[in-house]
Amino acid sequence: MTSFHRGDWLAVVQAITATFAVVAAFAVVFVQNWLERRRQRLDAIRLMRFAYSYVESAHAHAEMFESMIKKEANESAIDFRRMKLVMTQLLREMNSVPTLNLPTVLSARIFGMAKDQTERLIELIESESKGRTAASYITFPSLVRTLREVRDQLHAENVRVRKGGR
C-alpha cells in the first residue's frame, strides 16, 4: 500500500475531475441567477426612467398650458382641443407602462398619482373648453403644482434606486 498504481492515479484524477464538475455546475447556476437578477434590475431602472420622462413631459405641458391660459385674455385663442389631445396621448403612454415592473412599490404608487393628476388635468381642460369657470384659475395651478411635486418625488425615488437602495 505504499505505492499507487496507474489505476489508482486515474481514479484520483477522475474523483477530482468529478468534484470540479459538480462545483462548476453549481457555479453556473449561481452566476446565471445573479445575471438574471441584474438584468431585471436594469430593466426596472430603465422602465423607471421611462415613467419619469412621461411625468416630466406631463408636467412641462401642464405648465405650458397654464401659462397660455394666464396670458390669453381671449378664450377663443386658446386651443383646448390640442391641449386635450396632447395630454390624452401622454396619459395613454403612461398607461402603457407596466407599473408592476417598477423597482419599488413607492415608485409605482408615485407614478399612479401622476397618472391620476394627468387625468384630472384632462378633465379640467375639457371643462375649460366648454366654458371657463372661476374655479379653474385655482384648480389648474394647484394641479400643476401637485404634478411638479409628484415629478420631484419620482425623481428622488429614481435616484435612490439607481444608487442601490431598495
C-alpha atoms as a PDB file:
ATOM      1  CA  MET A   1       0.000   0.000   0.000  1.00  0.00           C
ATOM      2  CA  THR A   2       2.993   2.225  -0.179  1.00  0.00           C
ATOM      3  CA  SER A   3       2.767   2.952  -3.879  1.00  0.00           C
ATOM      4  CA  PHE A   4      -0.069   3.957  -6.167  1.00  0.00           C
ATOM      5  CA  HIS A   5      -0.537   2.081  -9.326  1.00  0.00           C
ATOM      6  CA  ARG A   6      -1.560   3.697 -12.585  1.00  0.00           C
ATOM      7  CA  GLY A   7      -5.212   2.724 -11.992  1.00  0.00           C
ATOM      8  CA  ASP A   8      -5.154   4.334  -8.548  1.00  0.00           C
ATOM      9  CA  TRP A   9      -3.842   7.618 -10.005  1.00  0.00           C
ATOM     10  CA  LEU A  10      -6.507   7.557 -12.688  1.00  0.00           C
ATOM     11  CA  ALA A  11      -9.187   7.036 -10.006  1.00  0.00           C
ATOM     12  CA  VAL A  12      -7.861  10.034  -8.041  1.00  0.00           C
ATOM     13  CA  VAL A  13      -7.854  12.227 -11.168  1.00  0.00           C
ATOM     14  CA  GLN A  14     -11.367  11.057 -12.009  1.00  0.00           C
ATOM     15  CA  ALA A  15     -12.600  11.888  -8.484  1.00  0.00           C
ATOM     16  CA  ILE A  16     -11.039  15.359  -8.600  1.00  0.00           C
ATOM     17  CA  THR A  17     -12.499  15.993 -12.058  1.00  0.00           C
ATOM     18  CA  ALA A  18     -15.965  14.845 -10.956  1.00  0.00           C
ATOM     19  CA  THR A  19     -15.805  17.111  -7.896  1.00  0.00           C
ATOM     20  CA  PHE A  20     -14.726  20.024 -10.079  1.00  0.00           C
ATOM     21  CA  ALA A  21     -17.613  19.337 -12.499  1.00  0.00           C
ATOM     22  CA  VAL A  22     -20.168  19.374  -9.656  1.00  0.00           C
ATOM     23  CA  VAL A  23     -18.750  22.637  -8.252  1.00  0.00           C
ATOM     24  CA  ALA A  24     -18.719  24.176 -11.747  1.00  0.00           C
ATOM     25  CA  ALA A  25     -22.365  23.166 -12.294  1.00  0.00           C
ATOM     26  CA  PHE A  26     -23.382  24.910  -9.059  1.00  0.00           C
ATOM     27  CA  ALA A  27     -21.332  27.969 -10.043  1.00  0.00           C
ATOM     28  CA  VAL A  28     -23.065  28.167 -13.414  1.00  0.00           C
ATOM     29  CA  VAL A  29     -26.480  28.164 -11.703  1.00  0.00           C
ATOM     30  CA  PHE A  30     -25.455  30.902  -9.266  1.00  0.00           C
ATOM     31  CA  VAL A  31     -23.892  33.068 -11.988  1.00  0.00           C
ATOM     32  CA  GLN A  32     -26.970  32.715 -14.199  1.00  0.00           C
ATOM     33  CA  ASN A  33     -29.209  33.646 -11.267  1.00  0.00           C
ATOM     34  CA  TRP A  34     -27.045  36.687 -10.496  1.00  0.00           C
ATOM     35  CA  LEU A  35     -27.050  37.788 -14.147  1.00  0.00           C
ATOM     36  CA  GLU A  36     -30.835  37.387 -14.388  1.00  0.00           C
ATOM     37  CA  ARG A  37     -31.432  39.454 -11.234  1.00  0.00           C
ATOM     38  CA  ARG A  38     -29.057  42.115 -12.572  1.00  0.00           C
ATOM     39  CA  ARG A  39     -30.895  42.187 -15.913  1.00  0.00           C
ATOM     40  CA  GLN A  40     -34.263  42.511 -14.158  1.00  0.00           C
ATOM     41  CA  ARG A  41     -32.926  45.361 -12.007  1.00  0.00           C
ATOM     42  CA  LEU A  42     -31.565  47.199 -15.056  1.00  0.00           C
ATOM     43  CA  ASP A  43     -34.880  46.684 -16.867  1.00  0.00           C
ATOM     44  CA  ALA A  44     -36.744  48.081 -13.855  1.00  0.00           C
ATOM     45  CA  ILE A  45     -34.458  51.110 -13.708  1.00  0.00           C
ATOM     46  CA  ARG A  46     -34.907  51.657 -17.457  1.00  0.00           C
ATOM     47  CA  LEU A  47     -38.674  51.419 -17.004  1.00  0.00           C
ATOM     48  CA  MET A  48     -38.481  53.931 -14.173  1.00  0.00           C
ATOM     49  CA  ARG A  49     -36.642  56.338 -16.478  1.00  0.00           C
ATOM     50  CA  PHE A  50     -39.492  55.994 -18.990  1.00  0.00           C
ATOM     51  CA  ALA A  51     -42.033  56.626 -16.243  1.00  0.00           C
ATOM     52  CA  TYR A  52     -40.128  59.691 -15.072  1.00  0.00           C
ATOM     53  CA  SER A  53     -39.845  61.055 -18.613  1.00  0.00           C
ATOM     54  CA  TYR A  54     -43.633  60.720 -19.067  1.00  0.00           C
ATOM     55  CA  VAL A  55     -44.297  62.526 -15.782  1.00  0.00           C
ATOM     56  CA  GLU A  56     -41.747  65.206 -16.705  1.00  0.00           C
ATOM     57  CA  SER A  57     -43.436  65.684 -20.074  1.00  0.00           C
ATOM     58  CA  ALA A  58     -46.894  65.867 -18.490  1.00  0.00           C
ATOM     59  CA  HIS A  59     -45.639  68.497 -16.050  1.00  0.00           C
ATOM     60  CA  ALA A  60     -43.958  70.544 -18.792  1.00  0.00           C
ATOM     61  CA  HIS A  61     -47.113  70.514 -20.932  1.00  0.00           C
ATOM     62  CA  ALA A  62     -49.277  71.402 -17.937  1.00  0.00           C
ATOM     63  CA  GLU A  63     -47.039  74.393 -17.156  1.00  0.00           C
ATOM     64  CA  MET A  64     -47.143  75.473 -20.792  1.00  0.00           C
ATOM     65  CA  PHE A  65     -50.948  75.243 -20.842  1.00  0.00           C
ATOM     66  CA  GLU A  66     -51.170  77.121 -17.552  1.00  0.00           C
ATOM     67  CA  SER A  67     -49.081  79.984 -18.940  1.00  0.00           C
ATOM     68  CA  MET A  68     -51.179  80.004 -22.127  1.00  0.00           C
ATOM     69  CA  ILE A  69     -54.375  80.308 -20.106  1.00  0.00           C
ATOM     70  CA  LYS A  70     -52.901  83.084 -17.955  1.00  0.00           C
ATOM     71  CA  LYS A  71     -51.627  85.055 -20.975  1.00  0.00           C
ATOM     72  CA  GLU A  72     -54.648  84.709 -23.225  1.00  0.00           C
ATOM     73  CA  ALA A  73     -57.409  87.137 -22.385  1.00  0.00           C
ATOM     74  CA  ASN A  74     -59.419  85.985 -25.357  1.00  0.00           C
ATOM     75  CA  GLU A  75     -60.795  82.481 -24.767  1.00  0.00           C
ATOM     76  CA  SER A  76     -61.149  81.709 -28.445  1.00  0.00           C
ATOM     77  CA  ALA A  77     -57.378  81.993 -28.944  1.00  0.00           C
ATOM     78  CA  ILE A  78     -56.712  79.013 -26.666  1.00  0.00           C
ATOM     79  CA  ASP A  79     -56.700  75.679 -28.458  1.00  0.00           C
ATOM     80  CA  PHE A  80     -58.271  73.421 -25.843  1.00  0.00           C
ATOM     81  CA  ARG A  81     -58.673  70.583 -28.344  1.00  0.00           C
ATOM     82  CA  ARG A  82     -54.922  70.474 -28.898  1.00  0.00           C
ATOM     83  CA  MET A  83     -54.274  70.616 -25.152  1.00  0.00           C
ATOM     84  CA  LYS A  84     -56.637  67.736 -24.520  1.00  0.00           C
ATOM     85  CA  LEU A  85     -55.185  65.725 -27.404  1.00  0.00           C
ATOM     86  CA  VAL A  86     -51.605  66.131 -26.142  1.00  0.00           C
ATOM     87  CA  MET A  87     -52.476  65.245 -22.544  1.00  0.00           C
ATOM     88  CA  THR A  88     -54.643  62.293 -23.625  1.00  0.00           C
ATOM     89  CA  GLN A  89     -51.772  60.923 -25.703  1.00  0.00           C
ATOM     90  CA  LEU A  90     -49.430  61.329 -22.746  1.00  0.00           C
ATOM     91  CA  LEU A  91     -51.895  59.550 -20.474  1.00  0.00           C
ATOM     92  CA  ARG A  92     -52.189  56.719 -22.996  1.00  0.00           C
ATOM     93  CA  GLU A  93     -48.401  56.347 -22.980  1.00  0.00           C
ATOM     94  CA  MET A  94     -48.328  56.491 -19.179  1.00  0.00           C
ATOM     95  CA  ASN A  95     -50.969  53.760 -19.027  1.00  0.00           C
ATOM     96  CA  SER A  96     -48.783  51.561 -21.239  1.00  0.00           C
ATOM     97  CA  VAL A  97     -46.071  51.468 -18.543  1.00  0.00           C
ATOM     98  CA  PRO A  98     -46.410  48.218 -16.554  1.00  0.00           C
ATOM     99  CA  THR A  99     -46.366  49.604 -13.017  1.00  0.00           C
ATOM    100  CA  LEU A 100     -45.892  46.138 -11.513  1.00  0.00           C
ATOM    101  CA  ASN A 101     -42.423  46.062 -13.076  1.00  0.00           C
ATOM    102  CA  LEU A 102     -41.290  49.310 -11.459  1.00  0.00           C
ATOM    103  CA  PRO A 103     -38.469  48.628  -8.986  1.00  0.00           C
ATOM    104  CA  THR A 104     -40.258  49.687  -5.804  1.00  0.00           C
ATOM    105  CA  VAL A 105     -43.801  49.892  -4.517  1.00  0.00           C
ATOM    106  CA  LEU A 106     -43.256  53.563  -3.731  1.00  0.00           C
ATOM    107  CA  SER A 107     -42.289  54.354  -7.335  1.00  0.00           C
ATOM    108  CA  ALA A 108     -45.409  52.533  -8.580  1.00  0.00           C
ATOM    109  CA  ARG A 109     -47.564  54.496  -6.120  1.00  0.00           C
ATOM    110  CA  ILE A 110     -45.992  57.823  -7.117  1.00  0.00           C
ATOM    111  CA  PHE A 111     -46.425  57.006 -10.808  1.00  0.00           C
ATOM    112  CA  GLY A 112     -50.075  56.148 -10.134  1.00  0.00           C
ATOM    113  CA  MET A 113     -50.522  59.559  -8.502  1.00  0.00           C
ATOM    114  CA  ALA A 114     -49.007  61.205 -11.590  1.00  0.00           C
ATOM    115  CA  LYS A 115     -51.479  59.379 -13.827  1.00  0.00           C
ATOM    116  CA  ASP A 116     -54.363  60.489 -11.590  1.00  0.00           C
ATOM    117  CA  GLN A 117     -53.211  64.111 -11.753  1.00  0.00           C
ATOM    118  CA  THR A 118     -52.911  63.898 -15.532  1.00  0.00           C
ATOM    119  CA  GLU A 119     -56.470  62.540 -15.741  1.00  0.00           C
ATOM    120  CA  ARG A 120     -57.710  65.412 -13.566  1.00  0.00           C
ATOM    121  CA  LEU A 121     -55.857  67.846 -15.806  1.00  0.00           C
ATOM    122  CA  ILE A 122     -57.572  66.405 -18.886  1.00  0.00           C
ATOM    123  CA  GLU A 123     -60.962  66.742 -17.172  1.00  0.00           C
ATOM    124  CA  LEU A 124     -60.171  70.349 -16.289  1.00  0.00           C
ATOM    125  CA  ILE A 125     -59.086  71.129 -19.860  1.00  0.00           C
ATOM    126  CA  GLU A 126     -62.322  69.580 -21.093  1.00  0.00           C
ATOM    127  CA  SER A 127     -64.409  71.685 -18.703  1.00  0.00           C
ATOM    128  CA  GLU A 128     -62.404  74.784 -19.713  1.00  0.00           C
ATOM    129  CA  SER A 129     -63.182  74.155 -23.370  1.00  0.00           C
ATOM    130  CA  LYS A 130     -66.906  74.121 -22.624  1.00  0.00           C
ATOM    131  CA  GLY A 131     -66.846  77.330 -20.647  1.00  0.00           C
ATOM    132  CA  ARG A 132     -64.293  78.969 -18.419  1.00  0.00           C
ATOM    133  CA  THR A 133     -65.083  78.834 -14.722  1.00  0.00           C
ATOM    134  CA  ALA A 134     -63.648  80.878 -11.896  1.00  0.00           C
ATOM    135  CA  ALA A 135     -62.625  77.685 -10.081  1.00  0.00           C
ATOM    136  CA  SER A 136     -60.260  76.751 -12.885  1.00  0.00           C
ATOM    137  CA  TYR A 137     -57.969  79.662 -12.003  1.00  0.00           C
ATOM    138  CA  ILE A 138     -57.466  77.968  -8.647  1.00  0.00           C
ATOM    139  CA  THR A 139     -57.606  74.330  -9.752  1.00  0.00           C
ATOM    140  CA  PHE A 140     -55.229  74.474 -12.718  1.00  0.00           C
ATOM    141  CA  PRO A 141     -52.242  75.929 -10.807  1.00  0.00           C
ATOM    142  CA  SER A 142     -52.809  73.520  -7.922  1.00  0.00           C
ATOM    143  CA  LEU A 143     -52.842  70.568 -10.346  1.00  0.00           C
ATOM    144  CA  VAL A 144     -49.633  71.806 -11.963  1.00  0.00           C
ATOM    145  CA  ARG A 145     -48.057  72.239  -8.526  1.00  0.00           C
ATOM    146  CA  THR A 146     -49.152  68.732  -7.473  1.00  0.00           C
ATOM    147  CA  LEU A 147     -47.803  67.278 -10.702  1.00  0.00           C
ATOM    148  CA  ARG A 148     -44.495  69.065 -10.041  1.00  0.00           C
ATOM    149  CA  GLU A 149     -44.338  67.576  -6.529  1.00  0.00           C
ATOM    150  CA  VAL A 150     -45.110  64.098  -7.857  1.00  0.00           C
ATOM    151  CA  ARG A 151     -42.433  64.533 -10.536  1.00  0.00           C
ATOM    152  CA  ASP A 152     -39.887  65.543  -7.882  1.00  0.00           C
ATOM    153  CA  GLN A 153     -40.824  62.566  -5.679  1.00  0.00           C
ATOM    154  CA  LEU A 154     -40.449  60.179  -8.605  1.00  0.00           C
ATOM    155  CA  HIS A 155     -37.088  61.739  -9.453  1.00  0.00           C
ATOM    156  CA  ALA A 156     -35.886  61.289  -5.857  1.00  0.00           C
ATOM    157  CA  GLU A 157     -37.043  57.661  -5.886  1.00  0.00           C
ATOM    158  CA  ASN A 158     -35.327  57.141  -9.250  1.00  0.00           C
ATOM    159  CA  VAL A 159     -32.042  58.474  -7.864  1.00  0.00           C
ATOM    160  CA  ARG A 160     -32.365  56.348  -4.721  1.00  0.00           C
ATOM    161  CA  VAL A 161     -32.994  53.169  -6.729  1.00  0.00           C
ATOM    162  CA  ARG A 162     -30.113  53.827  -9.124  1.00  0.00           C
ATOM    163  CA  LYS A 163     -27.755  54.214  -6.152  1.00  0.00           C
ATOM    164  CA  GLY A 164     -28.777  50.756  -5.000  1.00  0.00           C
ATOM    165  CA  GLY A 165     -31.380  51.465  -2.322  1.00  0.00           C
ATOM    166  CA  ARG A 166     -34.445  49.282  -2.205  1.00  0.00           C
END
